Amino acid sequence: MKKLILFFFIAGSISLVNAQKVVGIYFINQSQAINLDGLSLYMPSNPPANLTFPLLVVYQNTGDVINAGDSMHMSLIVEGQNMLNLKITFNEALETDSVSMVNLQNLSVPTSTFKATNTWCFGITKAYRSGVETTYSDTLCATFTTQTTGVSEISTIETVIYPNPAKDILYIDNAENADIYIYNTIGQIVKKVTNVLDKSEINISDLNNGMYIVRIQRGQSVQTQKIQIIK
């Protein structure tokens, strides 16, 4: 019995060491990413057979460092059907607990796919580390609603972040009572501002040049945007 328990403990440890998971699914609207879960979208009144439905999928490495040359596979499940399969090959290492993203800016989706209420799920199905395959079954789902309107494209109302690129001050509009988090490219929080006003200014003069992710959270609603700082 002791040997059996030890075996399962070791097997579980290996699974944890090689774990990656999807942690966010975002709809891209005018270069800004908004949490798809709980979102209400307005569809064109006379849509074409296929619509561009831009998404940003954020995933986290919860295990050991993923080395350059390693890869993983991701799938999109809609109404129980596998709509999309992706293979991601890393050209640089992904550190433990760091986050990265897949930009599906040009994702084309049949209009007939959309319902009044939609549940879309992304999951990492398998990964390869130094040629060794690990399989996964966990997925992250987002439920959103759509309705028809007279506008010519999919639209929503979002918080506005500008300028981009930024230098010393970052301006935030339509963010009343939100918490703002700024992350560097390896997933570390470098600045946090809580309970901001509708129109706010964030001093970023102490941050170095480079790319950052701004995360705006208001209750269960989350929006993210990538910004660049150039001094």
Protein backbone atom coordinates (compact mmCIF):
# COMPACT_ATOMS: atom_id res chain seq x y z
CA MET A 1 0.00 0.00 0.00
CA LYS A 2 2.80 2.45 0.84
CA LYS A 3 4.39 1.88 -2.58
CA LEU A 4 1.07 2.51 -4.30
CA ILE A 5 0.54 5.78 -2.44
CA LEU A 6 4.09 6.88 -3.26
CA PHE A 7 3.50 6.12 -6.94
CA PHE A 8 0.44 8.35 -7.14
CA PHE A 9 2.25 11.10 -5.25
CA ILE A 10 5.10 11.01 -7.75
CA ALA A 11 2.70 10.92 -10.71
CA GLY A 12 0.82 13.92 -9.34
CA SER A 13 4.05 15.81 -8.83
CA ILE A 14 5.09 15.23 -12.44
CA SER A 15 1.72 16.49 -13.64
CA LEU A 16 2.11 19.67 -11.59
CA VAL A 17 5.67 20.27 -12.76
CA ASN A 18 4.53 20.24 -16.41
CA ALA A 19 1.32 22.24 -15.95
CA GLN A 20 0.11 25.06 -18.15
CA LYS A 21 -3.41 26.50 -18.09
CA VAL A 22 -5.58 29.09 -19.80
CA VAL A 23 -6.35 31.91 -17.33
CA GLY A 24 -8.21 34.46 -19.47
CA ILE A 25 -10.24 34.84 -22.68
CA TYR A 26 -10.62 38.42 -23.94
CA PHE A 27 -12.51 40.09 -26.77
CA ILE A 28 -10.42 42.66 -28.65
CA ASN A 29 -12.25 45.90 -29.40
CA GLN A 30 -10.35 48.79 -30.98
CA SER A 31 -6.98 47.44 -29.78
CA GLN A 32 -8.28 46.91 -26.22
CA ALA A 33 -8.92 43.52 -24.62
CA ILE A 34 -12.08 43.01 -22.54
CA ASN A 35 -12.95 39.89 -20.57
CA LEU A 36 -15.24 37.83 -22.83
CA ASP A 37 -16.98 36.16 -19.88
CA GLY A 38 -20.17 38.06 -19.05
CA LEU A 39 -19.80 40.44 -22.01
CA SER A 40 -22.81 41.65 -24.05
CA LEU A 41 -22.05 42.15 -27.74
CA TYR A 42 -24.11 43.70 -30.52
CA MET A 43 -24.09 41.93 -33.88
CA PRO A 44 -24.58 43.51 -37.33
CA SER A 45 -28.20 43.51 -38.48
CA ASN A 46 -27.20 41.98 -41.85
CA PRO A 47 -24.02 40.05 -41.08
CA PRO A 48 -21.93 38.21 -43.69
CA ALA A 49 -21.55 34.43 -43.61
CA ASN A 50 -18.39 34.82 -41.53
CA LEU A 51 -17.49 37.42 -38.92
CA THR A 52 -14.08 38.45 -37.65
CA PHE A 53 -14.20 37.79 -33.90
CA PRO A 54 -10.83 38.93 -32.49
CA LEU A 55 -9.77 37.22 -29.27
CA LEU A 56 -6.81 37.29 -26.90
CA VAL A 57 -6.14 34.08 -24.95
CA VAL A 58 -3.93 34.40 -21.85
CA TYR A 59 -2.22 31.35 -20.39
CA GLN A 60 0.06 30.76 -17.42
CA ASN A 61 2.99 28.42 -16.91
CA THR A 62 2.36 26.91 -13.46
CA GLY A 63 5.21 24.42 -13.72
CA ASP A 64 8.91 24.40 -14.54
CA VAL A 65 10.48 26.82 -17.02
CA ILE A 66 9.41 26.14 -20.61
CA ASN A 67 12.47 26.27 -22.83
CA ALA A 68 12.85 27.76 -26.28
CA GLY A 69 11.89 25.14 -28.87
CA ASP A 70 9.26 23.50 -26.62
CA SER A 71 5.65 23.62 -27.80
CA MET A 72 2.04 23.17 -26.75
CA HIS A 73 -1.34 22.63 -28.41
CA MET A 74 -4.48 24.67 -27.66
CA SER A 75 -8.07 24.11 -28.78
CA LEU A 76 -11.26 26.20 -28.99
CA ILE A 77 -14.50 24.38 -28.18
CA VAL A 78 -17.81 25.95 -29.26
CA GLU A 79 -21.14 24.22 -28.55
CA GLY A 80 -19.24 21.05 -27.80
CA GLN A 81 -17.46 21.12 -31.17
CA ASN A 82 -13.74 21.63 -31.74
CA MET A 83 -13.58 24.81 -33.82
CA LEU A 84 -9.87 25.60 -33.76
CA ASN A 85 -6.55 23.85 -33.04
CA LEU A 86 -3.36 25.81 -32.47
CA LYS A 87 0.25 24.75 -32.10
CA ILE A 88 2.45 27.23 -30.22
CA THR A 89 6.22 26.87 -30.41
CA PHE A 90 8.18 28.97 -27.94
CA ASN A 91 11.04 31.02 -29.35
CA GLU A 92 12.15 32.04 -25.85
CA ALA A 93 11.89 30.59 -22.36
CA LEU A 94 8.68 31.03 -20.33
CA GLU A 95 9.47 31.31 -16.63
CA THR A 96 7.49 29.59 -13.85
CA ASP A 97 4.25 31.46 -12.96
CA SER A 98 4.70 33.90 -15.83
CA VAL A 99 1.87 34.61 -18.24
CA SER A 100 1.82 34.86 -22.01
CA MET A 101 -0.86 35.23 -24.66
CA VAL A 102 -2.08 34.16 -28.08
CA ASN A 103 -3.44 36.96 -30.25
CA LEU A 104 -6.28 35.70 -32.49
CA GLN A 105 -6.87 39.11 -34.05
CA ASN A 106 -8.07 37.63 -37.36
CA LEU A 107 -10.20 34.76 -36.03
CA SER A 108 -12.98 34.14 -38.58
CA VAL A 109 -16.16 32.56 -37.19
CA PRO A 110 -19.32 31.44 -39.08
CA THR A 111 -22.19 33.76 -38.20
CA SER A 112 -24.42 30.72 -37.66
CA THR A 113 -22.20 29.78 -34.68
CA PHE A 114 -23.46 32.68 -32.54
CA LYS A 115 -26.51 32.23 -30.30
CA ALA A 116 -28.27 34.57 -27.88
CA THR A 117 -26.11 32.99 -25.15
CA ASN A 118 -22.73 31.51 -26.07
CA THR A 119 -20.19 29.46 -24.13
CA TRP A 120 -16.73 29.23 -25.66
CA CYS A 121 -13.94 27.22 -24.03
CA PHE A 122 -10.18 27.26 -24.56
CA GLY A 123 -7.91 24.56 -23.23
CA ILE A 124 -4.30 23.42 -23.55
CA THR A 125 -4.56 19.82 -24.74
CA LYS A 126 -0.90 18.78 -24.69
CA ALA A 127 2.62 20.12 -24.36
CA TYR A 128 6.06 18.96 -25.44
CA ARG A 129 9.11 19.54 -23.24
CA SER A 130 12.35 18.37 -24.83
CA GLY A 131 10.25 16.05 -27.00
CA VAL A 132 8.34 14.52 -24.05
CA GLU A 133 4.54 14.78 -24.45
CA THR A 134 2.18 15.66 -21.57
CA THR A 135 -1.62 15.71 -22.07
CA TYR A 136 -4.18 17.93 -20.31
CA SER A 137 -7.96 18.06 -19.96
CA ASP A 138 -8.65 21.36 -18.15
CA THR A 139 -10.41 24.17 -20.02
CA LEU A 140 -11.47 27.74 -19.25
CA CYS A 141 -14.89 28.82 -20.52
CA ALA A 142 -16.41 32.24 -21.17
CA THR A 143 -20.16 32.81 -21.48
CA PHE A 144 -21.31 35.89 -23.39
CA THR A 145 -24.50 37.15 -25.02
CA THR A 146 -25.18 38.62 -28.46
CA GLN A 147 -28.07 40.59 -29.88
CA THR A 148 -28.75 42.18 -33.25
CA THR A 149 -28.54 45.92 -33.77
CA GLY A 150 -28.23 48.30 -36.68
CA VAL A 151 -24.50 48.94 -36.34
CA SER A 152 -22.12 47.68 -38.99
CA GLU A 153 -19.75 45.77 -36.71
CA ILE A 154 -19.46 44.04 -33.35
CA SER A 155 -19.11 46.69 -30.65
CA THR A 156 -19.07 47.28 -26.90
CA ILE A 157 -18.25 50.04 -24.40
CA GLU A 158 -14.85 49.82 -22.75
CA THR A 159 -12.40 51.69 -20.59
CA VAL A 160 -10.07 53.89 -22.65
CA ILE A 161 -6.31 53.88 -21.94
CA TYR A 162 -3.99 56.40 -23.63
CA PRO A 163 -1.53 57.45 -24.94
CA ASN A 164 0.11 54.38 -26.42
CA PRO A 165 3.10 54.52 -26.56
CA ALA A 166 3.23 56.38 -23.24
CA LYS A 167 6.04 58.31 -21.56
CA ASP A 168 5.44 59.57 -18.00
CA ILE A 169 1.65 59.68 -17.54
CA LEU A 170 -1.01 57.12 -18.47
CA TYR A 171 -4.59 58.39 -18.73
CA ILE A 172 -7.59 56.17 -17.91
CA ASP A 173 -11.16 57.13 -18.93
CA ASN A 174 -14.41 55.34 -17.96
CA ALA A 175 -12.82 53.41 -15.08
CA GLU A 176 -14.83 54.57 -12.06
CA ASN A 177 -14.29 52.40 -8.94
CA ALA A 178 -11.91 50.09 -10.82
CA ASP A 179 -8.57 48.68 -9.68
CA ILE A 180 -5.65 49.12 -12.11
CA TYR A 181 -2.73 46.67 -12.30
CA ILE A 182 0.30 47.05 -14.56
CA TYR A 183 2.34 43.92 -15.34
CA ASN A 184 5.73 43.56 -17.01
CA THR A 185 6.34 40.97 -19.73
CA ILE A 186 7.15 38.18 -17.25
CA GLY A 187 3.90 38.63 -15.35
CA GLN A 188 5.13 40.65 -12.35
CA ILE A 189 2.95 43.47 -10.96
CA VAL A 190 4.99 46.69 -11.22
CA LYS A 191 2.25 49.17 -10.28
CA LYS A 192 -1.18 48.99 -8.63
CA VAL A 193 -3.80 51.74 -8.17
CA THR A 194 -7.08 50.90 -6.40
CA ASN A 195 -10.53 52.48 -6.53
CA VAL A 196 -9.67 54.96 -9.29
CA LEU A 197 -11.92 57.79 -10.45
CA ASP A 198 -13.82 57.82 -13.74
CA LYS A 199 -10.97 59.83 -15.30
CA SER A 200 -7.58 59.11 -13.76
CA GLU A 201 -3.89 59.68 -14.33
CA ILE A 202 -1.21 57.12 -13.42
CA ASN A 203 2.39 58.24 -13.03
CA ILE A 204 4.58 55.73 -14.90
CA SER A 205 7.76 57.81 -14.95
CA ASP A 206 9.46 55.24 -12.70
CA LEU A 207 8.91 52.39 -15.16
CA ASN A 208 11.53 51.39 -17.72
CA ASN A 209 11.07 51.39 -21.47
CA GLY A 210 9.30 48.29 -22.77
CA MET A 211 5.98 46.49 -23.17
CA TYR A 212 3.47 46.21 -20.30
CA ILE A 213 0.00 44.80 -19.72
CA VAL A 214 -2.58 47.07 -18.05
CA ARG A 215 -5.37 45.19 -16.26
CA ILE A 216 -8.55 47.03 -15.24
CA GLN A 217 -10.81 45.18 -12.82
CA ARG A 218 -14.23 46.41 -11.75
CA GLY A 219 -15.96 43.69 -9.73
CA GLN A 220 -16.14 40.61 -11.97
CA SER A 221 -15.45 42.64 -15.12
CA VAL A 222 -11.84 42.54 -16.32
CA GLN A 223 -10.26 44.37 -19.26
CA THR A 224 -6.64 44.23 -20.40
CA GLN A 225 -4.55 46.23 -22.84
CA LYS A 226 -0.96 46.02 -23.97
CA ILE A 227 0.94 49.32 -23.82
CA GLN A 228 4.46 50.43 -24.64
CA ILE A 229 6.53 52.87 -22.61
CA ILE A 230 9.07 54.96 -24.51
CA LYS A 231 10.98 57.71 -22.68
